[in-house]
Amino acid sequence: MNRPLDFASASDFRQMMAGFPTGVSIVTALGDDGVPWGMTCSSVCSVAVEPPTLIVCLRRSSPTLTAVLARGAFAVNLLHDGARDKAELFASGAPDRFDRVRWRCSAQNCGPHLLDDAHAIGDCRVTHTAPVGDHLVVFGEVRQIGRHPVASRPLMYGLRQYAAWPVAAC
């Protein structure tokens, strides 16, 4: 007789994933009214090279997700190690977060670009979505990539703290 497996506890799962360092990004989109939305996201993963596709995992209750789905487009701002304060700002949900950063969004962009905080930005068009728990997995085909070389390293998050990519690895 097969018994269904129980789920791990939320705290055990968080502890396990805290030991898996990852890059930090801010996913941005414009709402239908042109208002910018954005949130810190460490759930970003490349999926395919041809066509260039990535996924982001966003909370279903997020206004950023609402804007992403309404526009069918978003930008992934990959943060450099000097942008920890922006990662924290966009994780806080502060309503004035876009007033506190320098950003631009032209007709060619799929979402706001954080000019001072990202070392690379991918403009993405939504191709698929998949619900998983309280999140929605959003697949985005990368239409263009902007590089903003800075004298810093990628921002990482793990063990519940931010850190720069190690110098030896650069």
C-alpha atoms as a PDB file:
ATOM      1  CA  MET A   1       0.000   0.000   0.000  1.00  0.00           C
ATOM      2  CA  ASN A   2       1.501   3.357  -1.081  1.00  0.00           C
ATOM      3  CA  ARG A   3       1.174   6.250   1.311  1.00  0.00           C
ATOM      4  CA  PRO A   4       1.322   9.771  -0.089  1.00  0.00           C
ATOM      5  CA  LEU A   5       4.432  11.628   0.955  1.00  0.00           C
ATOM      6  CA  ASP A   6       3.977  14.412   3.457  1.00  0.00           C
ATOM      7  CA  PHE A   7       5.289  17.839   2.544  1.00  0.00           C
ATOM      8  CA  ALA A   8       8.361  19.232   4.232  1.00  0.00           C
ATOM      9  CA  SER A   9       7.607  22.058   6.624  1.00  0.00           C
ATOM     10  CA  ALA A  10       7.836  25.602   5.298  1.00  0.00           C
ATOM     11  CA  SER A  11      10.637  26.419   7.755  1.00  0.00           C
ATOM     12  CA  ASP A  12      12.672  23.346   6.739  1.00  0.00           C
ATOM     13  CA  PHE A  13      12.205  24.226   3.070  1.00  0.00           C
ATOM     14  CA  ARG A  14      13.269  27.859   3.653  1.00  0.00           C
ATOM     15  CA  GLN A  15      16.336  26.656   5.577  1.00  0.00           C
ATOM     16  CA  MET A  16      17.296  24.260   2.800  1.00  0.00           C
ATOM     17  CA  MET A  17      16.924  26.916   0.077  1.00  0.00           C
ATOM     18  CA  ALA A  18      18.824  29.506   2.147  1.00  0.00           C
ATOM     19  CA  GLY A  19      21.887  27.304   1.638  1.00  0.00           C
ATOM     20  CA  PHE A  20      21.554  27.591  -2.137  1.00  0.00           C
ATOM     21  CA  PRO A  21      22.988  30.998  -3.134  1.00  0.00           C
ATOM     22  CA  THR A  22      21.495  32.673  -6.154  1.00  0.00           C
ATOM     23  CA  GLY A  23      21.744  35.867  -8.161  1.00  0.00           C
ATOM     24  CA  VAL A  24      19.480  38.802  -7.352  1.00  0.00           C
ATOM     25  CA  SER A  25      17.295  40.605  -9.850  1.00  0.00           C
ATOM     26  CA  ILE A  26      14.490  43.117  -9.925  1.00  0.00           C
ATOM     27  CA  VAL A  27      11.667  42.204 -12.288  1.00  0.00           C
ATOM     28  CA  THR A  28       9.909  45.279 -13.676  1.00  0.00           C
ATOM     29  CA  ALA A  29       6.879  46.000 -15.833  1.00  0.00           C
ATOM     30  CA  LEU A  30       4.606  48.887 -16.712  1.00  0.00           C
ATOM     31  CA  GLY A  31       0.952  48.693 -15.738  1.00  0.00           C
ATOM     32  CA  ASP A  32      -1.785  49.455 -18.261  1.00  0.00           C
ATOM     33  CA  ASP A  33      -1.826  53.007 -16.917  1.00  0.00           C
ATOM     34  CA  GLY A  34       1.927  53.430 -17.481  1.00  0.00           C
ATOM     35  CA  VAL A  35       2.754  53.151 -13.761  1.00  0.00           C
ATOM     36  CA  PRO A  36       6.001  51.221 -13.140  1.00  0.00           C
ATOM     37  CA  TRP A  37       5.929  48.109 -10.965  1.00  0.00           C
ATOM     38  CA  GLY A  38       8.812  45.995  -9.730  1.00  0.00           C
ATOM     39  CA  MET A  39       9.911  43.450  -7.161  1.00  0.00           C
ATOM     40  CA  THR A  40      13.107  41.780  -6.029  1.00  0.00           C
ATOM     41  CA  CYS A  41      13.284  38.275  -7.434  1.00  0.00           C
ATOM     42  CA  SER A  42      15.858  35.545  -6.881  1.00  0.00           C
ATOM     43  CA  SER A  43      13.725  32.949  -8.684  1.00  0.00           C
ATOM     44  CA  VAL A  44      15.174  33.484 -12.161  1.00  0.00           C
ATOM     45  CA  CYS A  45      16.453  30.663 -14.330  1.00  0.00           C
ATOM     46  CA  SER A  46      17.543  30.217 -17.919  1.00  0.00           C
ATOM     47  CA  VAL A  47      15.459  27.663 -19.798  1.00  0.00           C
ATOM     48  CA  ALA A  48      16.671  27.603 -23.402  1.00  0.00           C
ATOM     49  CA  VAL A  49      19.160  29.293 -25.693  1.00  0.00           C
ATOM     50  CA  GLU A  50      17.096  28.850 -28.875  1.00  0.00           C
ATOM     51  CA  PRO A  51      14.932  30.809 -28.562  1.00  0.00           C
ATOM     52  CA  PRO A  52      16.534  32.574 -25.591  1.00  0.00           C
ATOM     53  CA  THR A  53      14.071  31.928 -22.780  1.00  0.00           C
ATOM     54  CA  LEU A  54      14.087  32.380 -19.016  1.00  0.00           C
ATOM     55  CA  ILE A  55      11.603  31.977 -16.209  1.00  0.00           C
ATOM     56  CA  VAL A  56      10.734  34.170 -13.270  1.00  0.00           C
ATOM     57  CA  CYS A  57       8.534  33.009 -10.405  1.00  0.00           C
ATOM     58  CA  LEU A  58       6.251  35.722  -9.037  1.00  0.00           C
ATOM     59  CA  ARG A  59       3.708  35.700  -6.204  1.00  0.00           C
ATOM     60  CA  ARG A  60       0.155  35.505  -7.533  1.00  0.00           C
ATOM     61  CA  SER A  61      -0.875  38.430  -5.309  1.00  0.00           C
ATOM     62  CA  SER A  62       1.894  40.684  -6.647  1.00  0.00           C
ATOM     63  CA  PRO A  63       0.924  43.897  -8.475  1.00  0.00           C
ATOM     64  CA  THR A  64       4.110  43.399 -10.487  1.00  0.00           C
ATOM     65  CA  LEU A  65       2.711  40.102 -11.775  1.00  0.00           C
ATOM     66  CA  THR A  66      -0.551  41.859 -12.654  1.00  0.00           C
ATOM     67  CA  ALA A  67       1.417  44.387 -14.746  1.00  0.00           C
ATOM     68  CA  VAL A  68       3.529  41.630 -16.370  1.00  0.00           C
ATOM     69  CA  LEU A  69       0.428  39.730 -17.443  1.00  0.00           C
ATOM     70  CA  ALA A  70      -1.444  42.847 -18.600  1.00  0.00           C
ATOM     71  CA  ARG A  71       1.460  43.989 -20.800  1.00  0.00           C
ATOM     72  CA  GLY A  72       2.687  40.552 -21.751  1.00  0.00           C
ATOM     73  CA  ALA A  73       6.207  41.820 -21.156  1.00  0.00           C
ATOM     74  CA  PHE A  74       8.765  42.477 -18.424  1.00  0.00           C
ATOM     75  CA  ALA A  75      12.398  43.337 -17.823  1.00  0.00           C
ATOM     76  CA  VAL A  76      14.821  41.387 -15.652  1.00  0.00           C
ATOM     77  CA  ASN A  77      17.401  43.720 -14.088  1.00  0.00           C
ATOM     78  CA  LEU A  78      20.371  41.615 -12.899  1.00  0.00           C
ATOM     79  CA  LEU A  79      21.821  43.545  -9.963  1.00  0.00           C
ATOM     80  CA  HIS A  80      25.459  44.294  -9.257  1.00  0.00           C
ATOM     81  CA  ASP A  81      26.940  44.157  -5.772  1.00  0.00           C
ATOM     82  CA  GLY A  82      26.519  47.906  -5.228  1.00  0.00           C
ATOM     83  CA  ALA A  83      22.724  47.571  -5.455  1.00  0.00           C
ATOM     84  CA  ARG A  84      21.951  45.760  -2.223  1.00  0.00           C
ATOM     85  CA  ASP A  85      19.954  48.756  -0.981  1.00  0.00           C
ATOM     86  CA  LYS A  86      17.795  48.599  -4.129  1.00  0.00           C
ATOM     87  CA  ALA A  87      17.225  44.859  -3.673  1.00  0.00           C
ATOM     88  CA  GLU A  88      16.003  45.585  -0.144  1.00  0.00           C
ATOM     89  CA  LEU A  89      13.912  48.556  -1.319  1.00  0.00           C
ATOM     90  CA  PHE A  90      12.107  46.538  -3.990  1.00  0.00           C
ATOM     91  CA  ALA A  91      11.628  43.624  -1.569  1.00  0.00           C
ATOM     92  CA  SER A  92       9.998  45.997   0.932  1.00  0.00           C
ATOM     93  CA  GLY A  93       7.036  46.874  -1.289  1.00  0.00           C
ATOM     94  CA  ALA A  94       7.544  50.590  -0.593  1.00  0.00           C
ATOM     95  CA  PRO A  95       5.047  52.452  -2.790  1.00  0.00           C
ATOM     96  CA  ASP A  96       7.611  55.147  -3.705  1.00  0.00           C
ATOM     97  CA  ARG A  97      10.364  52.741  -4.790  1.00  0.00           C
ATOM     98  CA  PHE A  98      10.520  54.063  -8.373  1.00  0.00           C
ATOM     99  CA  ASP A  99      10.842  57.614  -7.022  1.00  0.00           C
ATOM    100  CA  ARG A 100      14.005  56.495  -5.220  1.00  0.00           C
ATOM    101  CA  VAL A 101      15.892  54.984  -8.190  1.00  0.00           C
ATOM    102  CA  ARG A 102      17.020  56.180 -11.598  1.00  0.00           C
ATOM    103  CA  TRP A 103      15.126  54.283 -14.279  1.00  0.00           C
ATOM    104  CA  ARG A 104      14.168  54.521 -17.927  1.00  0.00           C
ATOM    105  CA  CYS A 105      11.610  52.774 -20.076  1.00  0.00           C
ATOM    106  CA  SER A 106      11.601  53.496 -23.797  1.00  0.00           C
ATOM    107  CA  ALA A 107       9.268  52.085 -26.436  1.00  0.00           C
ATOM    108  CA  GLN A 108      11.874  49.371 -27.152  1.00  0.00           C
ATOM    109  CA  ASN A 109      12.002  48.217 -23.518  1.00  0.00           C
ATOM    110  CA  CYS A 110       9.677  45.560 -22.101  1.00  0.00           C
ATOM    111  CA  GLY A 111       9.848  47.093 -18.625  1.00  0.00           C
ATOM    112  CA  PRO A 112      11.715  49.754 -16.664  1.00  0.00           C
ATOM    113  CA  HIS A 113      15.514  49.539 -16.720  1.00  0.00           C
ATOM    114  CA  LEU A 114      17.281  50.339 -13.439  1.00  0.00           C
ATOM    115  CA  LEU A 115      20.189  52.233 -14.918  1.00  0.00           C
ATOM    116  CA  ASP A 116      22.482  52.524 -11.889  1.00  0.00           C
ATOM    117  CA  ASP A 117      21.793  49.161 -10.305  1.00  0.00           C
ATOM    118  CA  ALA A 118      21.896  46.478 -13.004  1.00  0.00           C
ATOM    119  CA  HIS A 119      24.942  45.049 -14.760  1.00  0.00           C
ATOM    120  CA  ALA A 120      22.675  43.445 -17.388  1.00  0.00           C
ATOM    121  CA  ILE A 121      19.013  43.750 -18.344  1.00  0.00           C
ATOM    122  CA  GLY A 122      16.907  41.340 -20.369  1.00  0.00           C
ATOM    123  CA  ASP A 123      13.732  42.552 -22.063  1.00  0.00           C
ATOM    124  CA  CYS A 124      11.267  39.665 -22.233  1.00  0.00           C
ATOM    125  CA  ARG A 125       7.930  38.848 -23.858  1.00  0.00           C
ATOM    126  CA  VAL A 126       5.661  36.454 -21.962  1.00  0.00           C
ATOM    127  CA  THR A 127       5.159  33.191 -23.852  1.00  0.00           C
ATOM    128  CA  HIS A 128       3.706  30.831 -21.214  1.00  0.00           C
ATOM    129  CA  THR A 129       2.687  30.725 -17.569  1.00  0.00           C
ATOM    130  CA  ALA A 130       2.227  27.872 -15.116  1.00  0.00           C
ATOM    131  CA  PRO A 131       0.630  28.068 -11.666  1.00  0.00           C
ATOM    132  CA  VAL A 132       2.610  26.486  -8.820  1.00  0.00           C
ATOM    133  CA  GLY A 133       1.306  26.960  -5.291  1.00  0.00           C
ATOM    134  CA  ASP A 134       1.023  30.651  -4.460  1.00  0.00           C
ATOM    135  CA  HIS A 135       3.284  31.637  -7.392  1.00  0.00           C
ATOM    136  CA  LEU A 136       3.038  31.829 -11.147  1.00  0.00           C
ATOM    137  CA  VAL A 137       5.973  30.669 -13.252  1.00  0.00           C
ATOM    138  CA  VAL A 138       6.319  33.138 -16.129  1.00  0.00           C
ATOM    139  CA  PHE A 139       8.269  32.135 -19.238  1.00  0.00           C
ATOM    140  CA  GLY A 140       9.805  35.022 -21.116  1.00  0.00           C
ATOM    141  CA  GLU A 141      11.544  35.050 -24.481  1.00  0.00           C
ATOM    142  CA  VAL A 142      14.444  37.460 -24.234  1.00  0.00           C
ATOM    143  CA  ARG A 143      14.080  39.986 -27.062  1.00  0.00           C
ATOM    144  CA  GLN A 144      17.061  42.195 -26.274  1.00  0.00           C
ATOM    145  CA  ILE A 145      19.852  42.418 -23.737  1.00  0.00           C
ATOM    146  CA  GLY A 146      21.382  45.578 -22.394  1.00  0.00           C
ATOM    147  CA  ARG A 147      24.745  45.428 -20.673  1.00  0.00           C
ATOM    148  CA  HIS A 148      25.770  48.104 -18.247  1.00  0.00           C
ATOM    149  CA  PRO A 149      29.377  47.305 -17.377  1.00  0.00           C
ATOM    150  CA  VAL A 150      30.290  48.553 -13.944  1.00  0.00           C
ATOM    151  CA  ALA A 151      33.362  48.056 -11.801  1.00  0.00           C
ATOM    152  CA  SER A 152      31.534  45.629  -9.532  1.00  0.00           C
ATOM    153  CA  ARG A 153      30.378  42.035  -9.380  1.00  0.00           C
ATOM    154  CA  PRO A 154      26.977  40.319  -9.483  1.00  0.00           C
ATOM    155  CA  LEU A 155      24.900  40.532  -6.302  1.00  0.00           C
ATOM    156  CA  MET A 156      24.187  37.165  -4.689  1.00  0.00           C
ATOM    157  CA  TYR A 157      21.797  36.079  -1.944  1.00  0.00           C
ATOM    158  CA  GLY A 158      22.220  33.035   0.282  1.00  0.00           C
ATOM    159  CA  LEU A 159      22.291  32.061   3.944  1.00  0.00           C
ATOM    160  CA  ARG A 160      19.839  34.976   4.415  1.00  0.00           C
ATOM    161  CA  GLN A 161      22.404  37.589   3.451  1.00  0.00           C
ATOM    162  CA  TYR A 162      23.624  39.505   0.414  1.00  0.00           C
ATOM    163  CA  ALA A 163      27.159  39.178  -0.910  1.00  0.00           C
ATOM    164  CA  ALA A 164      29.210  39.952  -3.995  1.00  0.00           C
ATOM    165  CA  TRP A 165      30.320  37.231  -6.367  1.00  0.00           C
ATOM    166  CA  PRO A 166      33.817  36.184  -5.150  1.00  0.00           C
ATOM    167  CA  VAL A 167      36.716  38.019  -6.837  1.00  0.00           C
ATOM    168  CA  ALA A 168      38.501  34.757  -7.662  1.00  0.00           C
ATOM    169  CA  ALA A 169      35.507  33.701  -9.745  1.00  0.00           C
ATOM    170  CA  CYS A 170      35.372  36.878 -11.850  1.00  0.00           C
END
